[in-house]
Amino acid sequence: MPRRGEAARRLGLRAERLTLWLLWIRGWDLVAWRQKLGRWELDLLLSRGPELRLLEVKARRRGAWVGADTALAPDQRLRLQKALRGWLDRVPWPGPISFQRVSWAGWRCRFHPPERWDALGVPR
């Protein structure tokens, strides 16, 4: 793997770990981490009470050309929905389902507002 790719992978892994820790201290429990479904990957699946939340973690170096806030294109969102549907086929979830993006720029973190995905027709 090229050095730049390895550095990006390590940065993403660090951001996922920090996100997991921040949400754990807020009462969220880990359900799945880096769950591979064919060619797709779900970064973090967490639960708190009956709610299941998929988190997509994006990390960029501070001052990067494309910020982590804008790093999720509509086609990527559709792929995440398909991957989550595949996961839910294996592990049915009875409660509400939501999605949230988390952006890291260096050590700065931004939790975007969660979106309800059960209203978008994600089958359960």
PDB file of N, CA and C in Angstrom:
ATOM      1  N   MET A   1       0.854  -1.175   0.000  1.00  0.00           N
ATOM      2  CA  MET A   1       0.000   0.000   0.000  1.00  0.00           C
ATOM      3  C   MET A   1       0.902   1.240   0.000  1.00  0.00           C
ATOM      4  N   PRO A   2       0.588   2.228  -0.812  1.00  0.00           N
ATOM      5  CA  PRO A   2       1.407   3.433  -0.840  1.00  0.00           C
ATOM      6  C   PRO A   2       1.398   4.144   0.509  1.00  0.00           C
ATOM      7  N   ARG A   3       2.431   4.922   0.738  1.00  0.00           N
ATOM      8  CA  ARG A   3       2.558   5.604   2.026  1.00  0.00           C
ATOM      9  C   ARG A   3       1.391   6.543   2.289  1.00  0.00           C
ATOM     10  N   ARG A   4       0.961   7.291   1.253  1.00  0.00           N
ATOM     11  CA  ARG A   4      -0.149   8.221   1.444  1.00  0.00           C
ATOM     12  C   ARG A   4      -1.424   7.463   1.820  1.00  0.00           C
ATOM     13  N   GLY A   5      -1.675   6.343   1.155  1.00  0.00           N
ATOM     14  CA  GLY A   5      -2.851   5.538   1.468  1.00  0.00           C
ATOM     15  C   GLY A   5      -2.804   4.975   2.877  1.00  0.00           C
ATOM     16  N   GLU A   6      -1.635   4.555   3.302  1.00  0.00           N
ATOM     17  CA  GLU A   6      -1.473   4.024   4.657  1.00  0.00           C
ATOM     18  C   GLU A   6      -1.702   5.124   5.690  1.00  0.00           C
ATOM     19  N   ALA A   7      -1.187   6.317   5.430  1.00  0.00           N
ATOM     20  CA  ALA A   7      -1.390   7.439   6.353  1.00  0.00           C
ATOM     21  C   ALA A   7      -2.871   7.797   6.447  1.00  0.00           C
ATOM     22  N   ALA A   8      -3.573   7.783   5.321  1.00  0.00           N
ATOM     23  CA  ALA A   8      -5.010   8.080   5.323  1.00  0.00           C
ATOM     24  C   ALA A   8      -5.778   7.004   6.084  1.00  0.00           C
ATOM     25  N   ARG A   9      -5.387   5.745   5.921  1.00  0.00           N
ATOM     26  CA  ARG A   9      -6.046   4.653   6.640  1.00  0.00           C
ATOM     27  C   ARG A   9      -5.859   4.805   8.148  1.00  0.00           C
ATOM     28  N   ARG A  10      -4.632   5.141   8.564  1.00  0.00           N
ATOM     29  CA  ARG A  10      -4.362   5.336   9.994  1.00  0.00           C
ATOM     30  C   ARG A  10      -5.141   6.526  10.552  1.00  0.00           C
ATOM     31  N   LEU A  11      -5.224   7.606   9.770  1.00  0.00           N
ATOM     32  CA  LEU A  11      -5.978   8.782  10.201  1.00  0.00           C
ATOM     33  C   LEU A  11      -7.455   8.424  10.380  1.00  0.00           C
ATOM     34  N   GLY A  12      -8.014   7.682   9.433  1.00  0.00           N
ATOM     35  CA  GLY A  12      -9.408   7.264   9.535  1.00  0.00           C
ATOM     36  C   GLY A  12      -9.653   6.345  10.721  1.00  0.00           C
ATOM     37  N   LEU A  13      -8.738   5.426  10.959  1.00  0.00           N
ATOM     38  CA  LEU A  13      -8.858   4.513  12.094  1.00  0.00           C
ATOM     39  C   LEU A  13      -8.811   5.277  13.413  1.00  0.00           C
ATOM     40  N   ARG A  14      -7.911   6.247  13.508  1.00  0.00           N
ATOM     41  CA  ARG A  14      -7.819   7.066  14.723  1.00  0.00           C
ATOM     42  C   ARG A  14      -9.114   7.846  14.939  1.00  0.00           C
ATOM     43  N   ALA A  15      -9.654   8.418  13.865  1.00  0.00           N
ATOM     44  CA  ALA A  15     -10.902   9.179  13.982  1.00  0.00           C
ATOM     45  C   ALA A  15     -12.054   8.276  14.416  1.00  0.00           C
ATOM     46  N   GLU A  16     -12.112   7.061  13.898  1.00  0.00           N
ATOM     47  CA  GLU A  16     -13.167   6.130  14.302  1.00  0.00           C
ATOM     48  C   GLU A  16     -13.032   5.768  15.773  1.00  0.00           C
ATOM     49  N   ARG A  17     -11.826   5.519  16.231  1.00  0.00           N
ATOM     50  CA  ARG A  17     -11.615   5.189  17.652  1.00  0.00           C
ATOM     51  C   ARG A  17     -12.011   6.348  18.558  1.00  0.00           C
ATOM     52  N   LEU A  18     -11.617   7.562  18.186  1.00  0.00           N
ATOM     53  CA  LEU A  18     -11.970   8.730  18.995  1.00  0.00           C
ATOM     54  C   LEU A  18     -13.477   8.959  19.000  1.00  0.00           C
ATOM     55  N   THR A  19     -14.112   8.780  17.853  1.00  0.00           N
ATOM     56  CA  THR A  19     -15.566   8.919  17.772  1.00  0.00           C
ATOM     57  C   THR A  19     -16.249   7.887  18.655  1.00  0.00           C
ATOM     58  N   LEU A  20     -15.782   6.663  18.577  1.00  0.00           N
ATOM     59  CA  LEU A  20     -16.339   5.596  19.408  1.00  0.00           C
ATOM     60  C   LEU A  20     -16.202   5.941  20.883  1.00  0.00           C
ATOM     61  N   TRP A  21     -15.055   6.429  21.291  1.00  0.00           N
ATOM     62  CA  TRP A  21     -14.836   6.794  22.690  1.00  0.00           C
ATOM     63  C   TRP A  21     -15.763   7.930  23.111  1.00  0.00           C
ATOM     64  N   LEU A  22     -15.877   8.978  22.271  1.00  0.00           N
ATOM     65  CA  LEU A  22     -16.745  10.112  22.602  1.00  0.00           C
ATOM     66  C   LEU A  22     -18.200   9.682  22.764  1.00  0.00           C
ATOM     67  N   LEU A  23     -18.648   8.783  21.919  1.00  0.00           N
ATOM     68  CA  LEU A  23     -20.034   8.332  22.026  1.00  0.00           C
ATOM     69  C   LEU A  23     -20.226   7.329  23.159  1.00  0.00           C
ATOM     70  N   TRP A  24     -19.208   6.560  23.451  1.00  0.00           N
ATOM     71  CA  TRP A  24     -19.293   5.614  24.571  1.00  0.00           C
ATOM     72  C   TRP A  24     -19.494   6.369  25.886  1.00  0.00           C
ATOM     73  N   ILE A  25     -18.767   7.481  26.072  1.00  0.00           N
ATOM     74  CA  ILE A  25     -18.940   8.233  27.323  1.00  0.00           C
ATOM     75  C   ILE A  25     -20.284   8.964  27.360  1.00  0.00           C
ATOM     76  N   ARG A  26     -20.962   9.048  26.212  1.00  0.00           N
ATOM     77  CA  ARG A  26     -22.310   9.636  26.159  1.00  0.00           C
ATOM     78  C   ARG A  26     -23.401   8.573  26.251  1.00  0.00           C
ATOM     79  N   GLY A  27     -23.016   7.340  26.501  1.00  0.00           N
ATOM     80  CA  GLY A  27     -24.005   6.293  26.742  1.00  0.00           C
ATOM     81  C   GLY A  27     -24.329   5.386  25.569  1.00  0.00           C
ATOM     82  N   TRP A  28     -23.579   5.483  24.472  1.00  0.00           N
ATOM     83  CA  TRP A  28     -23.825   4.622  23.307  1.00  0.00           C
ATOM     84  C   TRP A  28     -23.010   3.343  23.444  1.00  0.00           C
ATOM     85  N   ASP A  29     -23.570   2.239  22.981  1.00  0.00           N
ATOM     86  CA  ASP A  29     -22.893   0.939  23.008  1.00  0.00           C
ATOM     87  C   ASP A  29     -22.524   0.522  21.591  1.00  0.00           C
ATOM     88  N   LEU A  30     -21.351  -0.080  21.447  1.00  0.00           N
ATOM     89  CA  LEU A  30     -20.887  -0.544  20.145  1.00  0.00           C
ATOM     90  C   LEU A  30     -21.641  -1.805  19.741  1.00  0.00           C
ATOM     91  N   VAL A  31     -22.186  -1.797  18.529  1.00  0.00           N
ATOM     92  CA  VAL A  31     -22.843  -2.967  17.955  1.00  0.00           C
ATOM     93  C   VAL A  31     -21.919  -3.611  16.926  1.00  0.00           C
ATOM     94  N   ALA A  32     -21.319  -2.798  16.050  1.00  0.00           N
ATOM     95  CA  ALA A  32     -20.392  -3.305  15.032  1.00  0.00           C
ATOM     96  C   ALA A  32     -19.441  -2.180  14.641  1.00  0.00           C
ATOM     97  N   TRP A  33     -18.201  -2.564  14.335  1.00  0.00           N
ATOM     98  CA  TRP A  33     -17.177  -1.596  13.950  1.00  0.00           C
ATOM     99  C   TRP A  33     -16.501  -2.100  12.682  1.00  0.00           C
ATOM    100  N   ARG A  34     -16.424  -1.251  11.670  1.00  0.00           N
ATOM    101  CA  ARG A  34     -15.797  -1.576  10.393  1.00  0.00           C
ATOM    102  C   ARG A  34     -16.384  -2.858   9.805  1.00  0.00           C
ATOM    103  N   GLN A  35     -17.695  -2.930   9.830  1.00  0.00           N
ATOM    104  CA  GLN A  35     -18.424  -4.102   9.349  1.00  0.00           C
ATOM    105  C   GLN A  35     -18.370  -4.151   7.827  1.00  0.00           C
ATOM    106  N   LYS A  36     -17.779  -5.211   7.297  1.00  0.00           N
ATOM    107  CA  LYS A  36     -17.666  -5.380   5.845  1.00  0.00           C
ATOM    108  C   LYS A  36     -18.872  -6.153   5.323  1.00  0.00           C
ATOM    109  N   LEU A  37     -19.471  -5.616   4.265  1.00  0.00           N
ATOM    110  CA  LEU A  37     -20.595  -6.267   3.593  1.00  0.00           C
ATOM    111  C   LEU A  37     -20.300  -6.234   2.109  1.00  0.00           C
ATOM    112  N   GLY A  38     -19.665  -7.291   1.620  1.00  0.00           N
ATOM    113  CA  GLY A  38     -19.232  -7.296   0.225  1.00  0.00           C
ATOM    114  C   GLY A  38     -18.167  -6.239   0.009  1.00  0.00           C
ATOM    115  N   ARG A  39     -18.440  -5.320  -0.891  1.00  0.00           N
ATOM    116  CA  ARG A  39     -17.455  -4.264  -1.152  1.00  0.00           C
ATOM    117  C   ARG A  39     -17.721  -3.007  -0.330  1.00  0.00           C
ATOM    118  N   TRP A  40     -18.756  -3.034   0.505  1.00  0.00           N
ATOM    119  CA  TRP A  40     -19.094  -1.883   1.328  1.00  0.00           C
ATOM    120  C   TRP A  40     -18.618  -2.096   2.755  1.00  0.00           C
ATOM    121  N   GLU A  41     -18.457  -0.992   3.466  1.00  0.00           N
ATOM    122  CA  GLU A  41     -18.065  -1.062   4.870  1.00  0.00           C
ATOM    123  C   GLU A  41     -18.876  -0.054   5.663  1.00  0.00           C
ATOM    124  N   LEU A  42     -19.405  -0.499   6.783  1.00  0.00           N
ATOM    125  CA  LEU A  42     -20.093   0.380   7.722  1.00  0.00           C
ATOM    126  C   LEU A  42     -19.090   0.739   8.808  1.00  0.00           C
ATOM    127  N   ASP A  43     -18.828   2.036   8.988  1.00  0.00           N
ATOM    128  CA  ASP A  43     -17.800   2.459   9.942  1.00  0.00           C
ATOM    129  C   ASP A  43     -18.159   2.058  11.371  1.00  0.00           C
ATOM    130  N   LEU A  44     -19.245   2.607  11.893  1.00  0.00           N
ATOM    131  CA  LEU A  44     -19.651   2.331  13.271  1.00  0.00           C
ATOM    132  C   LEU A  44     -21.158   2.131  13.335  1.00  0.00           C
ATOM    133  N   LEU A  45     -21.570   1.091  14.009  1.00  0.00           N
ATOM    134  CA  LEU A  45     -22.977   0.886  14.350  1.00  0.00           C
ATOM    135  C   LEU A  45     -23.059   0.902  15.868  1.00  0.00           C
ATOM    136  N   LEU A  46     -23.857   1.816  16.403  1.00  0.00           N
ATOM    137  CA  LEU A  46     -23.976   1.986  17.844  1.00  0.00           C
ATOM    138  C   LEU A  46     -25.441   1.950  18.244  1.00  0.00           C
ATOM    139  N   SER A  47     -25.685   1.625  19.494  1.00  0.00           N
ATOM    140  CA  SER A  47     -27.059   1.638  19.994  1.00  0.00           C
ATOM    141  C   SER A  47     -27.102   2.349  21.338  1.00  0.00           C
ATOM    142  N   ARG A  48     -28.252   2.968  21.572  1.00  0.00           N
ATOM    143  CA  ARG A  48     -28.560   3.539  22.889  1.00  0.00           C
ATOM    144  C   ARG A  48     -30.052   3.323  23.077  1.00  0.00           C
ATOM    145  N   GLY A  49     -30.376   2.483  24.030  1.00  0.00           N
ATOM    146  CA  GLY A  49     -31.770   2.098  24.184  1.00  0.00           C
ATOM    147  C   GLY A  49     -32.206   1.325  22.947  1.00  0.00           C
ATOM    148  N   PRO A  50     -33.383   1.652  22.399  1.00  0.00           N
ATOM    149  CA  PRO A  50     -33.868   0.915  21.226  1.00  0.00           C
ATOM    150  C   PRO A  50     -33.293   1.418  19.902  1.00  0.00           C
ATOM    151  N   GLU A  51     -32.594   2.546  19.915  1.00  0.00           N
ATOM    152  CA  GLU A  51     -32.133   3.167  18.665  1.00  0.00           C
ATOM    153  C   GLU A  51     -30.821   2.564  18.166  1.00  0.00           C
ATOM    154  N   LEU A  52     -30.775   2.317  16.865  1.00  0.00           N
ATOM    155  CA  LEU A  52     -29.551   1.911  16.181  1.00  0.00           C
ATOM    156  C   LEU A  52     -29.090   3.091  15.346  1.00  0.00           C
ATOM    157  N   ARG A  53     -27.818   3.462  15.460  1.00  0.00           N
ATOM    158  CA  ARG A  53     -27.290   4.582  14.690  1.00  0.00           C
ATOM    159  C   ARG A  53     -26.063   4.141  13.904  1.00  0.00           C
ATOM    160  N   LEU A  54     -26.119   4.405  12.603  1.00  0.00           N
ATOM    161  CA  LEU A  54     -24.965   4.208  11.728  1.00  0.00           C
ATOM    162  C   LEU A  54     -24.202   5.515  11.681  1.00  0.00           C
ATOM    163  N   LEU A  55     -22.908   5.449  11.947  1.00  0.00           N
ATOM    164  CA  LEU A  55     -22.060   6.634  11.862  1.00  0.00           C
ATOM    165  C   LEU A  55     -21.053   6.455  10.748  1.00  0.00           C
ATOM    166  N   GLU A  56     -20.971   7.444   9.900  1.00  0.00           N
ATOM    167  CA  GLU A  56     -19.955   7.492   8.848  1.00  0.00           C
ATOM    168  C   GLU A  56     -18.939   8.530   9.296  1.00  0.00           C
ATOM    169  N   VAL A  57     -17.721   8.086   9.531  1.00  0.00           N
ATOM    170  CA  VAL A  57     -16.667   8.951  10.050  1.00  0.00           C
ATOM    171  C   VAL A  57     -15.757   9.354   8.901  1.00  0.00           C
ATOM    172  N   LYS A  58     -15.580  10.656   8.730  1.00  0.00           N
ATOM    173  CA  LYS A  58     -14.699  11.191   7.692  1.00  0.00           C
ATOM    174  C   LYS A  58     -13.607  12.002   8.373  1.00  0.00           C
ATOM    175  N   ALA A  59     -12.373  11.739   7.992  1.00  0.00           N
ATOM    176  CA  ALA A  59     -11.243  12.448   8.589  1.00  0.00           C
ATOM    177  C   ALA A  59     -10.356  13.015   7.494  1.00  0.00           C
ATOM    178  N   ARG A  60      -9.912  14.222   7.710  1.00  0.00           N
ATOM    179  CA  ARG A  60      -8.978  14.882   6.800  1.00  0.00           C
ATOM    180  C   ARG A  60      -7.928  15.594   7.641  1.00  0.00           C
ATOM    181  N   ARG A  61      -6.772  15.754   7.038  1.00  0.00           N
ATOM    182  CA  ARG A  61      -5.753  16.554   7.708  1.00  0.00           C
ATOM    183  C   ARG A  61      -6.259  17.990   7.809  1.00  0.00           C
ATOM    184  N   ARG A  62      -5.837  18.686   8.840  1.00  0.00           N
ATOM    185  CA  ARG A  62      -6.226  20.089   8.972  1.00  0.00           C
ATOM    186  C   ARG A  62      -5.726  20.855   7.757  1.00  0.00           C
ATOM    187  N   GLY A  63      -6.599  21.627   7.143  1.00  0.00           N
ATOM    188  CA  GLY A  63      -6.216  22.401   5.968  1.00  0.00           C
ATOM    189  C   GLY A  63      -6.265  21.631   4.672  1.00  0.00           C
ATOM    190  N   ALA A  64      -6.867  20.445   4.666  1.00  0.00           N
ATOM    191  CA  ALA A  64      -6.950  19.642   3.440  1.00  0.00           C
ATOM    192  C   ALA A  64      -7.809  20.364   2.404  1.00  0.00           C
ATOM    193  N   TRP A  65      -7.553  20.069   1.134  1.00  0.00           N
ATOM    194  CA  TRP A  65      -8.262  20.729   0.037  1.00  0.00           C
ATOM    195  C   TRP A  65      -9.772  20.481   0.114  1.00  0.00           C
ATOM    196  N   VAL A  66     -10.171  19.247   0.322  1.00  0.00           N
ATOM    197  CA  VAL A  66     -11.586  18.910   0.492  1.00  0.00           C
ATOM    198  C   VAL A  66     -11.800  18.593   1.959  1.00  0.00           C
ATOM    199  N   GLY A  67     -12.666  19.347   2.601  1.00  0.00           N
ATOM    200  CA  GLY A  67     -12.926  19.130   4.010  1.00  0.00           C
ATOM    201  C   GLY A  67     -13.746  17.882   4.249  1.00  0.00           C
ATOM    202  N   ALA A  68     -13.653  17.373   5.450  1.00  0.00           N
ATOM    203  CA  ALA A  68     -14.405  16.170   5.810  1.00  0.00           C
ATOM    204  C   ALA A  68     -15.907  16.432   5.822  1.00  0.00           C
ATOM    205  N   ASP A  69     -16.313  17.691   6.013  1.00  0.00           N
ATOM    206  CA  ASP A  69     -17.739  18.024   6.027  1.00  0.00           C
ATOM    207  C   ASP A  69     -18.410  17.754   4.693  1.00  0.00           C
ATOM    208  N   THR A  70     -17.679  17.882   3.597  1.00  0.00           N
ATOM    209  CA  THR A  70     -18.265  17.724   2.263  1.00  0.00           C
ATOM    210  C   THR A  70     -17.861  16.411   1.610  1.00  0.00           C
ATOM    211  N   ALA A  71     -17.344  15.483   2.376  1.00  0.00           N
ATOM    212  CA  ALA A  71     -16.757  14.273   1.800  1.00  0.00           C
ATOM    213  C   ALA A  71     -17.756  13.151   1.544  1.00  0.00           C
ATOM    214  N   LEU A  72     -19.036  13.355   1.768  1.00  0.00           N
ATOM    215  CA  LEU A  72     -20.018  12.292   1.551  1.00  0.00           C
ATOM    216  C   LEU A  72     -20.960  12.694   0.415  1.00  0.00           C
ATOM    217  N   ALA A  73     -20.751  12.084  -0.731  1.00  0.00           N
ATOM    218  CA  ALA A  73     -21.557  12.380  -1.922  1.00  0.00           C
ATOM    219  C   ALA A  73     -22.886  11.616  -1.859  1.00  0.00           C
ATOM    220  N   PRO A  74     -23.894  12.062  -2.618  1.00  0.00           N
ATOM    221  CA  PRO A  74     -25.191  11.365  -2.612  1.00  0.00           C
ATOM    222  C   PRO A  74     -25.093   9.888  -2.997  1.00  0.00           C
ATOM    223  N   ASP A  75     -24.228   9.547  -3.951  1.00  0.00           N
ATOM    224  CA  ASP A  75     -24.102   8.130  -4.322  1.00  0.00           C
ATOM    225  C   ASP A  75     -23.493   7.316  -3.184  1.00  0.00           C
ATOM    226  N   GLN A  76     -22.611   7.928  -2.395  1.00  0.00           N
ATOM    227  CA  GLN A  76     -22.052   7.227  -1.236  1.00  0.00           C
ATOM    228  C   GLN A  76     -23.135   6.987  -0.185  1.00  0.00           C
ATOM    229  N   ARG A  77     -24.016   7.963  -0.019  1.00  0.00           N
ATOM    230  CA  ARG A  77     -25.122   7.818   0.934  1.00  0.00           C
ATOM    231  C   ARG A  77     -26.021   6.637   0.525  1.00  0.00           C
ATOM    232  N   LEU A  78     -26.296   6.510  -0.769  1.00  0.00           N
ATOM    233  CA  LEU A  78     -27.104   5.381  -1.253  1.00  0.00           C
ATOM    234  C   LEU A  78     -26.404   4.049  -1.020  1.00  0.00           C
ATOM    235  N   ARG A  79     -25.079   4.022  -1.227  1.00  0.00           N
ATOM    236  CA  ARG A  79     -24.329   2.787  -0.962  1.00  0.00           C
ATOM    237  C   ARG A  79     -24.392   2.422   0.516  1.00  0.00           C
ATOM    238  N   LEU A  80     -24.314   3.430   1.393  1.00  0.00           N
ATOM    239  CA  LEU A  80     -24.418   3.161   2.824  1.00  0.00           C
ATOM    240  C   LEU A  80     -25.795   2.596   3.167  1.00  0.00           C
ATOM    241  N   GLN A  81     -26.842   3.130   2.545  1.00  0.00           N
ATOM    242  CA  GLN A  81     -28.183   2.604   2.796  1.00  0.00           C
ATOM    243  C   GLN A  81     -28.294   1.153   2.347  1.00  0.00           C
ATOM    244  N   LYS A  82     -27.729   0.828   1.183  1.00  0.00           N
ATOM    245  CA  LYS A  82     -27.758  -0.557   0.704  1.00  0.00           C
ATOM    246  C   LYS A  82     -26.984  -1.476   1.643  1.00  0.00           C
ATOM    247  N   ALA A  83     -25.830  -1.012   2.111  1.00  0.00           N
ATOM    248  CA  ALA A  83     -25.036  -1.820   3.035  1.00  0.00           C
ATOM    249  C   ALA A  83     -25.784  -2.032   4.343  1.00  0.00           C
ATOM    250  N   LEU A  84     -26.428  -0.984   4.837  1.00  0.00           N
ATOM    251  CA  LEU A  84     -27.190  -1.124   6.075  1.00  0.00           C
ATOM    252  C   LEU A  84     -28.366  -2.079   5.882  1.00  0.00           C
ATOM    253  N   ARG A  85     -29.008  -2.021   4.732  1.00  0.00           N
ATOM    254  CA  ARG A  85     -30.090  -2.977   4.447  1.00  0.00           C
ATOM    255  C   ARG A  85     -29.564  -4.410   4.489  1.00  0.00           C
ATOM    256  N   GLY A  86     -28.374  -4.620   3.904  1.00  0.00           N
ATOM    257  CA  GLY A  86     -27.768  -5.946   3.947  1.00  0.00           C
ATOM    258  C   GLY A  86     -27.478  -6.398   5.363  1.00  0.00           C
ATOM    259  N   TRP A  87     -26.997  -5.486   6.201  1.00  0.00           N
ATOM    260  CA  TRP A  87     -26.719  -5.817   7.591  1.00  0.00           C
ATOM    261  C   TRP A  87     -28.016  -6.136   8.329  1.00  0.00           C
ATOM    262  N   LEU A  88     -29.065  -5.333   8.068  1.00  0.00           N
ATOM    263  CA  LEU A  88     -30.348  -5.552   8.739  1.00  0.00           C
ATOM    264  C   LEU A  88     -31.015  -6.854   8.302  1.00  0.00           C
ATOM    265  N   ASP A  89     -30.705  -7.330   7.098  1.00  0.00           N
ATOM    266  CA  ASP A  89     -31.214  -8.637   6.673  1.00  0.00           C
ATOM    267  C   ASP A  89     -30.634  -9.746   7.541  1.00  0.00           C
ATOM    268  N   ARG A  90     -29.400  -9.556   7.994  1.00  0.00           N
ATOM    269  CA  ARG A  90     -28.734 -10.556   8.846  1.00  0.00           C
ATOM    270  C   ARG A  90     -29.073 -10.366  10.312  1.00  0.00           C
ATOM    271  N   VAL A  91     -29.159  -9.103  10.730  1.00  0.00           N
ATOM    272  CA  VAL A  91     -29.375  -8.764  12.139  1.00  0.00           C
ATOM    273  C   VAL A  91     -30.568  -7.808  12.216  1.00  0.00           C
ATOM    274  N   PRO A  92     -31.793  -8.320  12.254  1.00  0.00           N
ATOM    275  CA  PRO A  92     -32.957  -7.427  12.306  1.00  0.00           C
ATOM    276  C   PRO A  92     -32.920  -6.539  13.549  1.00  0.00           C
ATOM    277  N   TRP A  93     -33.312  -5.290  13.379  1.00  0.00           N
ATOM    278  CA  TRP A  93     -33.304  -4.342  14.492  1.00  0.00           C
ATOM    279  C   TRP A  93     -34.731  -3.849  14.715  1.00  0.00           C
ATOM    280  N   PRO A  94     -35.282  -4.056  15.911  1.00  0.00           N
ATOM    281  CA  PRO A  94     -36.688  -3.712  16.142  1.00  0.00           C
ATOM    282  C   PRO A  94     -36.956  -2.223  16.368  1.00  0.00           C
ATOM    283  N   GLY A  95     -35.945  -1.452  16.716  1.00  0.00           N
ATOM    284  CA  GLY A  95     -36.161  -0.055  17.070  1.00  0.00           C
ATOM    285  C   GLY A  95     -35.894   0.911  15.933  1.00  0.00           C
ATOM    286  N   PRO A  96     -35.907   2.197  16.258  1.00  0.00           N
ATOM    287  CA  PRO A  96     -35.641   3.218  15.242  1.00  0.00           C
ATOM    288  C   PRO A  96     -34.193   3.168  14.760  1.00  0.00           C
ATOM    289  N   ILE A  97     -33.998   3.618  13.517  1.00  0.00           N
ATOM    290  CA  ILE A  97     -32.673   3.600  12.895  1.00  0.00           C
ATOM    291  C   ILE A  97     -32.336   5.009  12.439  1.00  0.00           C
ATOM    292  N   SER A  98     -31.112   5.437  12.720  1.00  0.00           N
ATOM    293  CA  SER A  98     -30.692   6.772  12.299  1.00  0.00           C
ATOM    294  C   SER A  98     -29.289   6.714  11.713  1.00  0.00           C
ATOM    295  N   PHE A  99     -28.924   7.801  11.065  1.00  0.00           N
ATOM    296  CA  PHE A  99     -27.618   7.942  10.417  1.00  0.00           C
ATOM    297  C   PHE A  99     -27.027   9.275  10.845  1.00  0.00           C
ATOM    298  N   GLN A 100     -25.714   9.278  11.067  1.00  0.00           N
ATOM    299  CA  GLN A 100     -25.043  10.518  11.446  1.00  0.00           C
ATOM    300  C   GLN A 100     -23.644  10.537  10.867  1.00  0.00           C
ATOM    301  N   ARG A 101     -23.273  11.690  10.315  1.00  0.00           N
ATOM    302  CA  ARG A 101     -21.903  11.885   9.839  1.00  0.00           C
ATOM    303  C   ARG A 101     -21.095  12.534  10.947  1.00  0.00           C
ATOM    304  N   VAL A 102     -19.837  12.133  11.031  1.00  0.00           N
ATOM    305  CA  VAL A 102     -18.905  12.735  11.974  1.00  0.00           C
ATOM    306  C   VAL A 102     -17.686  13.154  11.174  1.00  0.00           C
ATOM    307  N   SER A 103     -17.336  14.427  11.266  1.00  0.00           N
ATOM    308  CA  SER A 103     -16.220  14.975  10.492  1.00  0.00           C
ATOM    309  C   SER A 103     -15.082  15.355  11.419  1.00  0.00           C
ATOM    310  N   TRP A 104     -13.898  14.935  11.047  1.00  0.00           N
ATOM    311  CA  TRP A 104     -12.685  15.292  11.781  1.00  0.00           C
ATOM    312  C   TRP A 104     -11.767  16.079  10.857  1.00  0.00           C
ATOM    313  N   ALA A 105     -11.263  17.196  11.347  1.00  0.00           N
ATOM    314  CA  ALA A 105     -10.245  17.979  10.644  1.00  0.00           C
ATOM    315  C   ALA A 105      -9.123  18.185  11.647  1.00  0.00           C
ATOM    316  N   GLY A 106      -8.072  17.402  11.511  1.00  0.00           N
ATOM    317  CA  GLY A 106      -7.046  17.405  12.548  1.00  0.00           C
ATOM    318  C   GLY A 106      -7.661  16.829  13.821  1.00  0.00           C
ATOM    319  N   TRP A 107      -7.592  17.575  14.916  1.00  0.00           N
ATOM    320  CA  TRP A 107      -8.170  17.139  16.185  1.00  0.00           C
ATOM    321  C   TRP A 107      -9.553  17.734  16.423  1.00  0.00           C
ATOM    322  N   ARG A 108     -10.074  18.503  15.474  1.00  0.00           N
ATOM    323  CA  ARG A 108     -11.401  19.099  15.634  1.00  0.00           C
ATOM    324  C   ARG A 108     -12.461  18.138  15.099  1.00  0.00           C
ATOM    325  N   CYS A 109     -13.520  18.014  15.860  1.00  0.00           N
ATOM    326  CA  CYS A 109     -14.573  17.055  15.536  1.00  0.00           C
ATOM    327  C   CYS A 109     -15.904  17.784  15.407  1.00  0.00           C
ATOM    328  N   ARG A 110     -16.704  17.357  14.430  1.00  0.00           N
ATOM    329  CA  ARG A 110     -18.051  17.912  14.264  1.00  0.00           C
ATOM    330  C   ARG A 110     -19.028  16.760  14.073  1.00  0.00           C
ATOM    331  N   PHE A 111     -20.013  16.711  14.942  1.00  0.00           N
ATOM    332  CA  PHE A 111     -21.100  15.750  14.811  1.00  0.00           C
ATOM    333  C   PHE A 111     -22.229  16.439  14.057  1.00  0.00           C
ATOM    334  N   HIS A 112     -22.537  15.967  12.863  1.00  0.00           N
ATOM    335  CA  HIS A 112     -23.625  16.534  12.076  1.00  0.00           C
ATOM    336  C   HIS A 112     -24.953  16.060  12.663  1.00  0.00           C
ATOM    337  N   PRO A 113     -26.038  16.780  12.418  1.00  0.00           N
ATOM    338  CA  PRO A 113     -27.332  16.344  12.973  1.00  0.00           C
ATOM    339  C   PRO A 113     -27.712  14.954  12.463  1.00  0.00           C
ATOM    340  N   PRO A 114     -28.230  14.118  13.343  1.00  0.00           N
ATOM    341  CA  PRO A 114     -28.635  12.773  12.902  1.00  0.00           C
ATOM    342  C   PRO A 114     -29.852  12.843  11.985  1.00  0.00           C
ATOM    343  N   GLU A 115     -29.930  11.862  11.097  1.00  0.00           N
ATOM    344  CA  GLU A 115     -31.057  11.732  10.170  1.00  0.00           C
ATOM    345  C   GLU A 115     -31.781  10.434  10.491  1.00  0.00           C
ATOM    346  N   ARG A 116     -33.104  10.468  10.458  1.00  0.00           N
ATOM    347  CA  ARG A 116     -33.886   9.258  10.681  1.00  0.00           C
ATOM    348  C   ARG A 116     -33.930   8.466   9.392  1.00  0.00           C
ATOM    349  N   TRP A 117     -33.393   7.262   9.394  1.00  0.00           N
ATOM    350  CA  TRP A 117     -33.405   6.431   8.195  1.00  0.00           C
ATOM    351  C   TRP A 117     -34.555   5.444   8.187  1.00  0.00           C
ATOM    352  N   ASP A 118     -35.221   5.236   9.307  1.00  0.00           N
ATOM    353  CA  ASP A 118     -36.368   4.341   9.267  1.00  0.00           C
ATOM    354  C   ASP A 118     -37.486   4.971   8.439  1.00  0.00           C
ATOM    355  N   ALA A 119     -37.538   6.301   8.367  1.00  0.00           N
ATOM    356  CA  ALA A 119     -38.538   6.992   7.549  1.00  0.00           C
ATOM    357  C   ALA A 119     -38.195   6.939   6.061  1.00  0.00           C
ATOM    358  N   LEU A 120     -36.953   6.604   5.730  1.00  0.00           N
ATOM    359  CA  LEU A 120     -36.538   6.529   4.333  1.00  0.00           C
ATOM    360  C   LEU A 120     -36.784   5.147   3.733  1.00  0.00           C
ATOM    361  N   GLY A 121     -37.421   4.295   4.456  1.00  0.00           N
ATOM    362  CA  GLY A 121     -37.782   2.991   3.910  1.00  0.00           C
ATOM    363  C   GLY A 121     -36.701   1.944   4.043  1.00  0.00           C
ATOM    364  N   VAL A 122     -35.794   2.094   4.994  1.00  0.00           N
ATOM    365  CA  VAL A 122     -34.821   1.036   5.235  1.00  0.00           C
ATOM    366  C   VAL A 122     -35.588  -0.110   5.878  1.00  0.00           C
ATOM    367  N   PRO A 123     -35.724  -1.242   5.187  1.00  0.00           N
ATOM    368  CA  PRO A 123     -36.540  -2.338   5.730  1.00  0.00           C
ATOM    369  C   PRO A 123     -35.914  -2.927   6.987  1.00  0.00           C
ATOM    370  N   ARG A 124     -36.792  -3.297   7.915  1.00  0.00           N
ATOM    371  CA  ARG A 124     -36.331  -3.911   9.157  1.00  0.00           C
ATOM    372  C   ARG A 124     -36.909  -5.282   9.301  1.00  0.00           C
TER     373      ARG A 124
END
